[in-house]
C-alpha atoms as a PDB file:
ATOM      1  CA  MET A   1      32.344-147.173 -74.961  1.00  0.00           C
ATOM      2  CA  ARG A   2      29.079-148.300 -73.307  1.00  0.00           C
ATOM      3  CA  VAL A   3      25.748-147.775 -75.141  1.00  0.00           C
ATOM      4  CA  TYR A   4      22.708-148.257 -72.779  1.00  0.00           C
ATOM      5  CA  PHE A   5      19.244-148.824 -74.205  1.00  0.00           C
ATOM      6  CA  THR A   6      16.470-148.122 -71.615  1.00  0.00           C
ATOM      7  CA  PHE A   7      14.201-150.418 -73.657  1.00  0.00           C
ATOM      8  CA  GLU A   8      14.746-153.805 -75.232  1.00  0.00           C
ATOM      9  CA  PRO A   9      14.615-154.065 -79.057  1.00  0.00           C
ATOM     10  CA  ARG A  10      13.644-157.405 -80.501  1.00  0.00           C
ATOM     11  CA  GLU A  11      16.542-159.928 -80.540  1.00  0.00           C
ATOM     12  CA  ASP A  12      16.656-160.027 -84.283  1.00  0.00           C
ATOM     13  CA  LEU A  13      17.314-156.234 -84.210  1.00  0.00           C
ATOM     14  CA  GLN A  14      19.838-156.505 -81.385  1.00  0.00           C
ATOM     15  CA  LYS A  15      22.183-159.129 -82.860  1.00  0.00           C
ATOM     16  CA  PRO A  16      23.115-157.296 -86.107  1.00  0.00           C
ATOM     17  CA  LEU A  17      23.761-154.095 -84.085  1.00  0.00           C
ATOM     18  CA  VAL A  18      26.072-155.876 -81.688  1.00  0.00           C
ATOM     19  CA  ALA A  19      27.825-157.611 -84.537  1.00  0.00           C
ATOM     20  CA  GLU A  20      28.450-154.388 -86.420  1.00  0.00           C
ATOM     21  CA  PHE A  21      30.031-152.632 -83.510  1.00  0.00           C
ATOM     22  CA  PRO A  22      32.259-155.169 -81.680  1.00  0.00           C
ATOM     23  CA  GLU A  23      34.121-152.456 -80.010  1.00  0.00           C
ATOM     24  CA  VAL A  24      30.967-151.214 -78.194  1.00  0.00           C
ATOM     25  CA  ASP A  25      29.525-152.644 -74.934  1.00  0.00           C
ATOM     26  CA  PHE A  26      25.779-152.683 -75.477  1.00  0.00           C
ATOM     27  CA  VAL A  27      23.303-152.984 -72.548  1.00  0.00           C
ATOM     28  CA  PHE A  28      19.596-153.527 -73.188  1.00  0.00           C
ATOM     29  CA  ASP A  29      17.187-153.084 -70.335  1.00  0.00           C
ATOM     30  CA  ALA A  30      13.352-153.326 -70.184  1.00  0.00           C
ATOM     31  CA  LYS A  31      13.368-150.106 -67.990  1.00  0.00           C
ATOM     32  CA  LEU A  32      15.812-147.595 -66.768  1.00  0.00           C
ATOM     33  CA  ASN A  33      18.494-148.889 -64.364  1.00  0.00           C
ATOM     34  CA  GLU A  34      20.357-146.174 -62.527  1.00  0.00           C
ATOM     35  CA  GLU A  35      23.519-148.436 -62.065  1.00  0.00           C
ATOM     36  CA  GLN A  36      23.808-148.942 -65.787  1.00  0.00           C
ATOM     37  CA  LEU A  37      23.085-145.307 -66.389  1.00  0.00           C
ATOM     38  CA  MET A  38      26.068-144.314 -64.331  1.00  0.00           C
ATOM     39  CA  LYS A  39      28.305-146.357 -66.647  1.00  0.00           C
ATOM     40  CA  ALA A  40      26.917-145.218 -69.894  1.00  0.00           C
ATOM     41  CA  ASP A  41      28.524-143.040 -72.455  1.00  0.00           C
ATOM     42  CA  ILE A  42      25.460-143.064 -74.706  1.00  0.00           C
ATOM     43  CA  VAL A  43      21.838-143.586 -73.784  1.00  0.00           C
ATOM     44  CA  VAL A  44      19.141-144.586 -76.210  1.00  0.00           C
ATOM     45  CA  THR A  45      15.765-143.883 -74.715  1.00  0.00           C
ATOM     46  CA  TYR A  46      12.089-143.071 -75.743  1.00  0.00           C
ATOM     47  CA  GLY A  47      12.595-139.870 -73.848  1.00  0.00           C
ATOM     48  CA  GLU A  48      10.066-140.187 -71.072  1.00  0.00           C
ATOM     49  CA  ASP A  49      12.146-142.073 -68.385  1.00  0.00           C
ATOM     50  CA  LEU A  50      14.940-139.639 -67.739  1.00  0.00           C
ATOM     51  CA  THR A  51      14.793-137.150 -64.777  1.00  0.00           C
ATOM     52  CA  VAL A  52      16.983-134.444 -63.413  1.00  0.00           C
ATOM     53  CA  ALA A  53      18.175-136.885 -60.715  1.00  0.00           C
ATOM     54  CA  ASN A  54      19.145-139.358 -63.473  1.00  0.00           C
ATOM     55  CA  ILE A  55      21.146-136.803 -65.329  1.00  0.00           C
ATOM     56  CA  ALA A  56      23.051-135.836 -62.168  1.00  0.00           C
ATOM     57  CA  LEU A  57      24.017-139.491 -61.688  1.00  0.00           C
ATOM     58  CA  ALA A  58      25.177-140.062 -65.333  1.00  0.00           C
ATOM     59  CA  ASP A  59      28.710-138.750 -64.992  1.00  0.00           C
ATOM     60  CA  LYS A  60      29.891-140.247 -68.188  1.00  0.00           C
ATOM     61  CA  LEU A  61      26.944-139.432 -70.422  1.00  0.00           C
ATOM     62  CA  GLN A  62      27.819-137.680 -73.594  1.00  0.00           C
ATOM     63  CA  TRP A  63      25.007-138.399 -76.051  1.00  0.00           C
ATOM     64  CA  ILE A  64      21.332-139.107 -75.701  1.00  0.00           C
ATOM     65  CA  PHE A  65      19.675-140.705 -78.686  1.00  0.00           C
ATOM     66  CA  VAL A  66      15.836-140.239 -78.450  1.00  0.00           C
ATOM     67  CA  ALA A  67      13.888-142.982 -80.323  1.00  0.00           C
ATOM     68  CA  SER A  68      10.970-140.614 -80.501  1.00  0.00           C
ATOM     69  CA  ALA A  69      10.344-137.207 -82.302  1.00  0.00           C
ATOM     70  CA  GLY A  70       8.945-135.592 -79.191  1.00  0.00           C
ATOM     71  CA  VAL A  71      11.361-134.457 -76.540  1.00  0.00           C
ATOM     72  CA  GLU A  72       9.116-132.244 -74.383  1.00  0.00           C
ATOM     73  CA  LYS A  73       9.130-134.693 -71.440  1.00  0.00           C
ATOM     74  CA  MET A  74      12.853-134.624 -71.059  1.00  0.00           C
ATOM     75  CA  PRO A  75      14.670-132.610 -68.332  1.00  0.00           C
ATOM     76  CA  ALA A  76      15.898-130.055 -70.872  1.00  0.00           C
ATOM     77  CA  GLN A  77      17.632-127.637 -68.563  1.00  0.00           C
ATOM     78  CA  ALA A  78      19.630-130.283 -66.686  1.00  0.00           C
ATOM     79  CA  ILE A  79      20.756-131.844 -70.049  1.00  0.00           C
ATOM     80  CA  ALA A  80      21.591-128.445 -71.588  1.00  0.00           C
ATOM     81  CA  GLU A  81      23.694-127.465 -68.550  1.00  0.00           C
ATOM     82  CA  ARG A  82      25.771-130.610 -68.914  1.00  0.00           C
ATOM     83  CA  ASP A  83      26.177-129.903 -72.660  1.00  0.00           C
ATOM     84  CA  ILE A  84      25.101-133.374 -73.472  1.00  0.00           C
ATOM     85  CA  PHE A  85      24.458-133.964 -77.209  1.00  0.00           C
ATOM     86  CA  VAL A  86      20.804-134.890 -78.018  1.00  0.00           C
ATOM     87  CA  SER A  87      19.445-136.298 -81.343  1.00  0.00           C
ATOM     88  CA  ASN A  88      16.178-138.023 -82.221  1.00  0.00           C
ATOM     89  CA  VAL A  89      14.347-139.868 -84.967  1.00  0.00           C
ATOM     90  CA  ARG A  90      12.613-136.923 -86.564  1.00  0.00           C
ATOM     91  CA  GLY A  91      10.925-138.164 -89.790  1.00  0.00           C
ATOM     92  CA  ILE A  92      10.598-141.681 -88.563  1.00  0.00           C
ATOM     93  CA  HIS A  93       6.930-141.364 -88.099  1.00  0.00           C
ATOM     94  CA  LYS A  94       6.033-140.036 -91.658  1.00  0.00           C
ATOM     95  CA  LYS A  95       4.958-143.299 -93.284  1.00  0.00           C
ATOM     96  CA  PRO A  96       2.669-144.740 -90.544  1.00  0.00           C
ATOM     97  CA  MET A  97       1.282-141.329 -89.625  1.00  0.00           C
ATOM     98  CA  THR A  98       0.589-140.367 -93.146  1.00  0.00           C
ATOM     99  CA  GLU A  99      -1.230-143.617 -93.656  1.00  0.00           C
ATOM    100  CA  SER A 100      -3.247-143.144 -90.400  1.00  0.00           C
ATOM    101  CA  ILE A 101      -4.238-139.600 -91.518  1.00  0.00           C
ATOM    102  CA  LEU A 102      -5.219-140.622 -94.939  1.00  0.00           C
ATOM    103  CA  ALA A 103      -7.221-143.553 -93.619  1.00  0.00           C
ATOM    104  CA  HIS A 104      -9.237-141.203 -91.304  1.00  0.00           C
ATOM    105  CA  ILE A 105      -9.852-138.759 -94.190  1.00  0.00           C
ATOM    106  CA  LEU A 106     -10.881-141.403 -96.616  1.00  0.00           C
ATOM    107  CA  ALA A 107     -13.158-143.075 -93.975  1.00  0.00           C
ATOM    108  CA  LEU A 108     -14.980-139.831 -93.299  1.00  0.00           C
ATOM    109  CA  LYS A 109     -15.339-138.834 -96.931  1.00  0.00           C
ATOM    110  CA  ARG A 110     -16.509-142.252 -98.075  1.00  0.00           C
ATOM    111  CA  GLY A 111     -18.793-142.986 -95.139  1.00  0.00           C
ATOM    112  CA  LEU A 112     -16.900-145.867 -93.522  1.00  0.00           C
ATOM    113  CA  PRO A 113     -18.196-145.142 -89.960  1.00  0.00           C
ATOM    114  CA  PHE A 114     -21.725-145.227 -91.413  1.00  0.00           C
ATOM    115  CA  ILE A 115     -21.182-148.438 -93.288  1.00  0.00           C
ATOM    116  CA  TYR A 116     -19.821-150.249 -90.248  1.00  0.00           C
ATOM    117  CA  GLU A 117     -22.717-149.017 -88.090  1.00  0.00           C
ATOM    118  CA  GLN A 118     -25.335-150.277 -90.570  1.00  0.00           C
ATOM    119  CA  GLN A 119     -23.557-153.630 -90.793  1.00  0.00           C
ATOM    120  CA  LYS A 120     -23.789-153.991 -87.007  1.00  0.00           C
ATOM    121  CA  LYS A 121     -27.503-153.203 -87.195  1.00  0.00           C
ATOM    122  CA  GLY A 122     -28.001-155.519 -90.254  1.00  0.00           C
ATOM    123  CA  GLU A 123     -29.638-152.658 -92.169  1.00  0.00           C
ATOM    124  CA  TRP A 124     -29.365-151.944 -96.020  1.00  0.00           C
ATOM    125  CA  ASN A 125     -29.238-148.210 -95.746  1.00  0.00           C
ATOM    126  CA  LYS A 126     -27.920-145.625 -98.220  1.00  0.00           C
ATOM    127  CA  LYS A 127     -29.108-142.543 -96.356  1.00  0.00           C
ATOM    128  CA  THR A 128     -25.810-140.774 -95.807  1.00  0.00           C
ATOM    129  CA  SER A 129     -23.771-138.020 -97.475  1.00  0.00           C
ATOM    130  CA  LEU A 130     -20.641-139.095 -99.333  1.00  0.00           C
ATOM    131  CA  SER A 131     -17.964-136.727-100.733  1.00  0.00           C
ATOM    132  CA  GLU A 132     -14.665-136.908-102.562  1.00  0.00           C
ATOM    133  CA  LEU A 133     -11.084-136.217-101.553  1.00  0.00           C
ATOM    134  CA  ASN A 134     -10.213-135.221-105.130  1.00  0.00           C
ATOM    135  CA  GLY A 135     -10.460-131.495-105.680  1.00  0.00           C
ATOM    136  CA  SER A 136     -10.379-130.604-102.075  1.00  0.00           C
ATOM    137  CA  THR A 137      -7.841-128.310-100.215  1.00  0.00           C
ATOM    138  CA  ALA A 138      -5.779-129.274 -97.213  1.00  0.00           C
ATOM    139  CA  LEU A 139      -4.015-126.747 -94.956  1.00  0.00           C
ATOM    140  CA  ILE A 140      -1.155-128.322 -93.065  1.00  0.00           C
ATOM    141  CA  ILE A 141       0.104-126.350 -90.011  1.00  0.00           C
ATOM    142  CA  GLY A 142       3.686-127.338 -89.465  1.00  0.00           C
ATOM    143  CA  PRO A 143       4.688-129.026 -92.738  1.00  0.00           C
ATOM    144  CA  GLY A 144       7.955-130.591 -91.433  1.00  0.00           C
ATOM    145  CA  ALA A 145       9.187-134.039 -92.365  1.00  0.00           C
ATOM    146  CA  ILE A 146       5.727-135.669 -91.485  1.00  0.00           C
ATOM    147  CA  GLY A 147       3.632-132.788 -92.795  1.00  0.00           C
ATOM    148  CA  ALA A 148       5.481-132.734 -96.047  1.00  0.00           C
ATOM    149  CA  GLU A 149       4.944-136.461 -96.659  1.00  0.00           C
ATOM    150  CA  ILE A 150       1.197-135.958 -95.906  1.00  0.00           C
ATOM    151  CA  GLY A 151       1.198-133.254 -98.557  1.00  0.00           C
ATOM    152  CA  ARG A 152       2.927-135.466-101.035  1.00  0.00           C
ATOM    153  CA  ILE A 153       0.386-138.291-100.674  1.00  0.00           C
ATOM    154  CA  LEU A 154      -2.575-135.841-100.645  1.00  0.00           C
ATOM    155  CA  GLN A 155      -1.378-134.257-103.818  1.00  0.00           C
ATOM    156  CA  ALA A 156      -1.472-137.722-105.435  1.00  0.00           C
ATOM    157  CA  PHE A 157      -5.295-137.752-104.593  1.00  0.00           C
ATOM    158  CA  GLY A 158      -5.763-134.456-106.426  1.00  0.00           C
ATOM    159  CA  VAL A 159      -5.759-132.358-103.257  1.00  0.00           C
ATOM    160  CA  HIS A 160      -4.441-128.732-103.273  1.00  0.00           C
ATOM    161  CA  THR A 161      -2.039-128.397-100.353  1.00  0.00           C
ATOM    162  CA  ILE A 162      -1.267-125.214 -98.262  1.00  0.00           C
ATOM    163  CA  GLY A 163       1.490-125.177 -95.797  1.00  0.00           C
ATOM    164  CA  CYS A 164       1.891-122.742 -92.798  1.00  0.00           C
ATOM    165  CA  ASN A 165       5.294-122.567 -91.158  1.00  0.00           C
ATOM    166  CA  ARG A 166       7.391-120.072 -89.220  1.00  0.00           C
ATOM    167  CA  SER A 167       9.530-118.878 -92.140  1.00  0.00           C
ATOM    168  CA  GLY A 168       6.988-119.131 -95.019  1.00  0.00           C
ATOM    169  CA  LYS A 169       9.772-120.877 -96.977  1.00  0.00           C
ATOM    170  CA  SER A 170       8.475-123.066 -99.859  1.00  0.00           C
ATOM    171  CA  ILE A 171       7.984-126.669 -99.272  1.00  0.00           C
ATOM    172  CA  GLU A 172       8.171-129.121-102.190  1.00  0.00           C
ATOM    173  CA  SER A 173       4.921-130.978-101.477  1.00  0.00           C
ATOM    174  CA  MET A 174       2.951-127.738-100.821  1.00  0.00           C
ATOM    175  CA  ASN A 175       1.184-125.854-103.610  1.00  0.00           C
ATOM    176  CA  GLU A 176       1.366-122.704-101.479  1.00  0.00           C
ATOM    177  CA  THR A 177       3.314-121.963 -98.319  1.00  0.00           C
ATOM    178  CA  TYR A 178       2.734-119.069 -95.892  1.00  0.00           C
ATOM    179  CA  VAL A 179       3.976-117.770 -92.551  1.00  0.00           C
ATOM    180  CA  ILE A 180       1.997-119.104 -89.553  1.00  0.00           C
ATOM    181  CA  ASP A 181       1.224-115.590 -88.513  1.00  0.00           C
ATOM    182  CA  ASP A 182      -1.013-115.327 -91.525  1.00  0.00           C
ATOM    183  CA  LEU A 183      -2.896-118.678 -90.596  1.00  0.00           C
ATOM    184  CA  LYS A 184      -6.342-117.015 -90.142  1.00  0.00           C
ATOM    185  CA  ALA A 185      -6.235-115.629 -93.761  1.00  0.00           C
ATOM    186  CA  HIS A 186      -6.010-119.158 -95.239  1.00  0.00           C
ATOM    187  CA  LEU A 187      -8.191-121.198 -92.935  1.00  0.00           C
ATOM    188  CA  PRO A 188     -11.367-120.332 -94.918  1.00  0.00           C
ATOM    189  CA  LYS A 189      -9.914-122.046 -98.024  1.00  0.00           C
ATOM    190  CA  ALA A 190      -9.449-125.358 -96.379  1.00  0.00           C
ATOM    191  CA  ASP A 191     -11.658-128.531 -96.444  1.00  0.00           C
ATOM    192  CA  ILE A 192      -9.180-130.228 -94.099  1.00  0.00           C
ATOM    193  CA  VAL A 193      -6.901-128.678 -91.500  1.00  0.00           C
ATOM    194  CA  ILE A 194      -4.129-130.774 -90.145  1.00  0.00           C
ATOM    195  CA  SER A 195      -1.951-129.618 -87.171  1.00  0.00           C
ATOM    196  CA  MET A 196       1.398-131.318 -87.038  1.00  0.00           C
ATOM    197  CA  LEU A 197       2.941-128.739 -84.631  1.00  0.00           C
ATOM    198  CA  PRO A 198       5.402-129.740 -81.930  1.00  0.00           C
ATOM    199  CA  SER A 199       4.922-128.741 -78.277  1.00  0.00           C
ATOM    200  CA  THR A 200       6.921-125.432 -77.723  1.00  0.00           C
ATOM    201  CA  ALA A 201       6.292-122.172 -75.894  1.00  0.00           C
ATOM    202  CA  GLU A 202       5.256-120.655 -79.241  1.00  0.00           C
ATOM    203  CA  THR A 203       2.823-123.327 -80.211  1.00  0.00           C
ATOM    204  CA  LYS A 204       1.023-123.778 -76.856  1.00  0.00           C
ATOM    205  CA  TYR A 205      -2.610-122.759 -77.248  1.00  0.00           C
ATOM    206  CA  LEU A 206      -1.837-121.282 -80.722  1.00  0.00           C
ATOM    207  CA  LEU A 207      -5.284-122.266 -82.050  1.00  0.00           C
ATOM    208  CA  THR A 208      -8.276-120.604 -80.382  1.00  0.00           C
ATOM    209  CA  TYR A 209     -11.955-120.593 -80.867  1.00  0.00           C
ATOM    210  CA  GLY A 210     -11.453-117.756 -83.326  1.00  0.00           C
ATOM    211  CA  HIS A 211      -9.517-120.015 -85.613  1.00  0.00           C
ATOM    212  CA  PHE A 212     -12.346-122.623 -85.772  1.00  0.00           C
ATOM    213  CA  GLU A 213     -14.733-119.794 -86.572  1.00  0.00           C
ATOM    214  CA  MET A 214     -12.643-118.934 -89.715  1.00  0.00           C
ATOM    215  CA  MET A 215     -12.900-122.610 -91.041  1.00  0.00           C
ATOM    216  CA  LYS A 216     -15.637-123.884 -93.210  1.00  0.00           C
ATOM    217  CA  ASP A 217     -18.606-125.448 -91.290  1.00  0.00           C
ATOM    218  CA  THR A 218     -17.871-128.582 -93.263  1.00  0.00           C
ATOM    219  CA  ALA A 219     -14.100-128.536 -92.436  1.00  0.00           C
ATOM    220  CA  ILE A 220     -12.377-131.603 -90.918  1.00  0.00           C
ATOM    221  CA  PHE A 221      -9.811-130.641 -88.237  1.00  0.00           C
ATOM    222  CA  MET A 222      -7.131-133.070 -87.442  1.00  0.00           C
ATOM    223  CA  ASN A 223      -4.534-132.801 -84.547  1.00  0.00           C
ATOM    224  CA  PHE A 224      -1.688-135.272 -84.954  1.00  0.00           C
ATOM    225  CA  GLY A 225       1.096-132.977 -83.461  1.00  0.00           C
ATOM    226  CA  ARG A 226       0.708-132.131 -79.872  1.00  0.00           C
ATOM    227  CA  GLY A 227      -2.421-131.762 -77.752  1.00  0.00           C
ATOM    228  CA  ASN A 228      -1.682-128.517 -76.144  1.00  0.00           C
ATOM    229  CA  VAL A 229      -1.936-126.638 -79.488  1.00  0.00           C
ATOM    230  CA  VAL A 230      -5.548-125.934 -78.527  1.00  0.00           C
ATOM    231  CA  LYS A 231      -7.513-125.796 -75.331  1.00  0.00           C
ATOM    232  CA  GLU A 232      -9.785-128.714 -75.002  1.00  0.00           C
ATOM    233  CA  GLU A 233     -12.691-126.554 -73.857  1.00  0.00           C
ATOM    234  CA  GLU A 234     -12.384-124.247 -76.938  1.00  0.00           C
ATOM    235  CA  LEU A 235     -12.364-127.274 -79.253  1.00  0.00           C
ATOM    236  CA  VAL A 236     -15.261-128.829 -77.471  1.00  0.00           C
ATOM    237  CA  ARG A 237     -17.158-125.535 -77.799  1.00  0.00           C
ATOM    238  CA  ALA A 238     -16.375-125.356 -81.557  1.00  0.00           C
ATOM    239  CA  LEU A 239     -17.678-128.976 -82.077  1.00  0.00           C
ATOM    240  CA  GLN A 240     -20.780-128.422 -79.852  1.00  0.00           C
ATOM    241  CA  ASN A 241     -21.653-125.323 -81.867  1.00  0.00           C
ATOM    242  CA  LYS A 242     -21.110-127.211 -85.149  1.00  0.00           C
ATOM    243  CA  ILE A 243     -18.881-124.477 -86.511  1.00  0.00           C
ATOM    244  CA  ILE A 244     -16.677-127.144 -87.975  1.00  0.00           C
ATOM    245  CA  GLY A 245     -17.805-130.451 -89.488  1.00  0.00           C
ATOM    246  CA  HIS A 246     -15.622-133.038 -87.633  1.00  0.00           C
ATOM    247  CA  ALA A 247     -12.430-133.386 -85.678  1.00  0.00           C
ATOM    248  CA  VAL A 248      -9.988-136.280 -85.649  1.00  0.00           C
ATOM    249  CA  LEU A 249      -7.750-136.289 -82.619  1.00  0.00           C
ATOM    250  CA  ASP A 250      -4.650-138.415 -81.902  1.00  0.00           C
ATOM    251  CA  VAL A 251      -3.299-136.158 -79.213  1.00  0.00           C
ATOM    252  CA  PHE A 252      -4.802-134.429 -76.238  1.00  0.00           C
ATOM    253  CA  GLU A 253      -3.921-131.796 -73.468  1.00  0.00           C
ATOM    254  CA  VAL A 254      -4.214-134.689 -70.835  1.00  0.00           C
ATOM    255  CA  GLU A 255      -3.342-138.152 -71.906  1.00  0.00           C
ATOM    256  CA  PRO A 256      -4.834-140.676 -71.433  1.00  0.00           C
ATOM    257  CA  LEU A 257      -7.979-138.655 -72.212  1.00  0.00           C
ATOM    258  CA  PRO A 258     -10.003-138.601 -68.954  1.00  0.00           C
ATOM    259  CA  LYS A 259     -13.271-140.515 -69.087  1.00  0.00           C
ATOM    260  CA  GLU A 260     -15.105-137.460 -68.064  1.00  0.00           C
ATOM    261  CA  SER A 261     -13.954-135.591 -71.073  1.00  0.00           C
ATOM    262  CA  LEU A 262     -16.842-134.126 -73.222  1.00  0.00           C
ATOM    263  CA  LEU A 263     -14.989-135.250 -76.257  1.00  0.00           C
ATOM    264  CA  TRP A 264     -16.003-138.764 -75.634  1.00  0.00           C
ATOM    265  CA  LYS A 265     -19.668-137.754 -75.876  1.00  0.00           C
ATOM    266  CA  LEU A 266     -19.650-135.822 -79.168  1.00  0.00           C
ATOM    267  CA  ASP A 267     -20.778-137.480 -82.361  1.00  0.00           C
ATOM    268  CA  ASN A 268     -18.609-135.218 -84.554  1.00  0.00           C
ATOM    269  CA  VAL A 269     -15.272-136.386 -83.232  1.00  0.00           C
ATOM    270  CA  THR A 270     -13.075-139.293 -83.813  1.00  0.00           C
ATOM    271  CA  ILE A 271     -10.778-140.208 -80.838  1.00  0.00           C
ATOM    272  CA  SER A 272      -7.472-142.136 -81.466  1.00  0.00           C
ATOM    273  CA  PRO A 273      -5.280-143.013 -78.402  1.00  0.00           C
ATOM    274  CA  HIS A 274      -2.007-141.348 -79.603  1.00  0.00           C
ATOM    275  CA  PHE A 275      -1.001-144.302 -81.589  1.00  0.00           C
ATOM    276  CA  SER A 276      -1.104-143.082 -85.213  1.00  0.00           C
ATOM    277  CA  SER A 277       2.730-143.482 -85.457  1.00  0.00           C
ATOM    278  CA  HIS A 278       2.846-147.048 -84.171  1.00  0.00           C
ATOM    279  CA  SER A 279       4.145-149.715 -86.470  1.00  0.00           C
ATOM    280  CA  SER A 280       5.755-153.082 -86.215  1.00  0.00           C
ATOM    281  CA  ARG A 281       8.695-151.516 -88.002  1.00  0.00           C
ATOM    282  CA  TYR A 282       9.182-148.589 -85.555  1.00  0.00           C
ATOM    283  CA  VAL A 283      12.322-149.785 -83.712  1.00  0.00           C
ATOM    284  CA  GLU A 284      13.809-151.037 -86.985  1.00  0.00           C
ATOM    285  CA  ARG A 285      13.458-147.514 -88.472  1.00  0.00           C
ATOM    286  CA  ALA A 286      14.832-146.002 -85.353  1.00  0.00           C
ATOM    287  CA  LEU A 287      18.010-148.157 -85.569  1.00  0.00           C
ATOM    288  CA  GLU A 288      18.360-147.138 -89.237  1.00  0.00           C
ATOM    289  CA  ILE A 289      18.955-143.551 -88.001  1.00  0.00           C
ATOM    290  CA  PHE A 290      21.021-144.625 -84.904  1.00  0.00           C
ATOM    291  CA  GLU A 291      23.496-146.911 -86.586  1.00  0.00           C
ATOM    292  CA  PRO A 292      25.063-144.345 -89.112  1.00  0.00           C
ATOM    293  CA  SER A 293      25.109-141.704 -86.337  1.00  0.00           C
ATOM    294  CA  LEU A 294      26.904-144.173 -83.973  1.00  0.00           C
ATOM    295  CA  LYS A 295      29.556-144.917 -86.758  1.00  0.00           C
ATOM    296  CA  LYS A 296      30.166-141.022 -86.968  1.00  0.00           C
ATOM    297  CA  TRP A 297      30.293-140.660 -83.174  1.00  0.00           C
ATOM    298  CA  LEU A 298      32.972-143.427 -82.876  1.00  0.00           C
ATOM    299  CA  ASP A 299      34.963-141.705 -85.627  1.00  0.00           C
ATOM    300  CA  GLY A 300      34.913-138.501 -83.552  1.00  0.00           C
ATOM    301  CA  GLU A 301      32.231-136.633 -85.720  1.00  0.00           C
ATOM    302  CA  ARG A 302      29.581-134.686 -83.997  1.00  0.00           C
ATOM    303  CA  ASP A 303      27.565-133.542 -87.025  1.00  0.00           C
ATOM    304  CA  LEU A 304      24.867-136.108 -86.449  1.00  0.00           C
ATOM    305  CA  GLU A 305      21.471-136.499 -88.051  1.00  0.00           C
ATOM    306  CA  ASN A 306      18.440-134.796 -86.272  1.00  0.00           C
ATOM    307  CA  LYS A 307      20.338-132.816 -83.647  1.00  0.00           C
ATOM    308  CA  VAL A 308      17.864-131.390 -81.108  1.00  0.00           C
ATOM    309  CA  ASP A 309      18.014-128.057 -79.255  1.00  0.00           C
ATOM    310  CA  LEU A 310      16.061-129.104 -76.111  1.00  0.00           C
ATOM    311  CA  LEU A 311      15.715-125.611 -74.844  1.00  0.00           C
ATOM    312  CA  ARG A 312      13.884-124.716 -78.020  1.00  0.00           C
ATOM    313  CA  GLY A 313      11.904-127.987 -77.951  1.00  0.00           C
ATOM    314  CA  TYR A 314      12.977-129.419 -81.334  1.00  0.00           C
END
């Protein structure tokens, strides 16, 4: 059994893995090598390096473990036609992403950008508006593993949480949960609107200018799911017209965000370069999901954690 990593974990993470599975031939590469791919039974990848041609070469490949939650850049049809099992690390991002989102919210509520600017200028200036997170309402669109964790932490700050998902099924860390089709009815309640939606055919351009019109003019809109949930031009128009208070964006339609994008020029937007999930513990957490799944696989089990339906996109 050969397990081929198309990236190199730190040596202190490789050694215990190799020691735990002496019957497995592990190969770690800094980038994808087609020769190694042809020999692999299992591939561990970040999900952005595999192509249709690669899948055609990988005759022995049975399982792809994606060390990422997003799978939209993978050759879905080619993988599905081969009936290759795919699983990912859904939920791995919930700790660092929740901390990133909370940091942005508290920074805006408590005036940290203003404080930093005055410090640069060497000015003692109290002329800014501060508000509290306590007592506010947050609407989370797509309260999956990450969204549920965000809700749990926000509740600890005294925030009322509303979730919108496909089923309307109750989520433990949401005070209220509704179907996403009723989203517009609940947007006016929210002080903070957080999109955690994946990229699928159903979610592409789901949010329109009309949705921003339904929000409070003081609302903070945050997109930490996927960039194509809203057309950039519609979001720019909403921000230019000040129909919402501020946007915090970690994901974009085009990445890296082009220098000519109007988003760079707006004073009511915070741009983060799609790294809210980054953490020095990322690969460590990914292997914590991979190792028990590999044990099951070697024992002939196929009921693995975080199975992905690539044709659905999640």
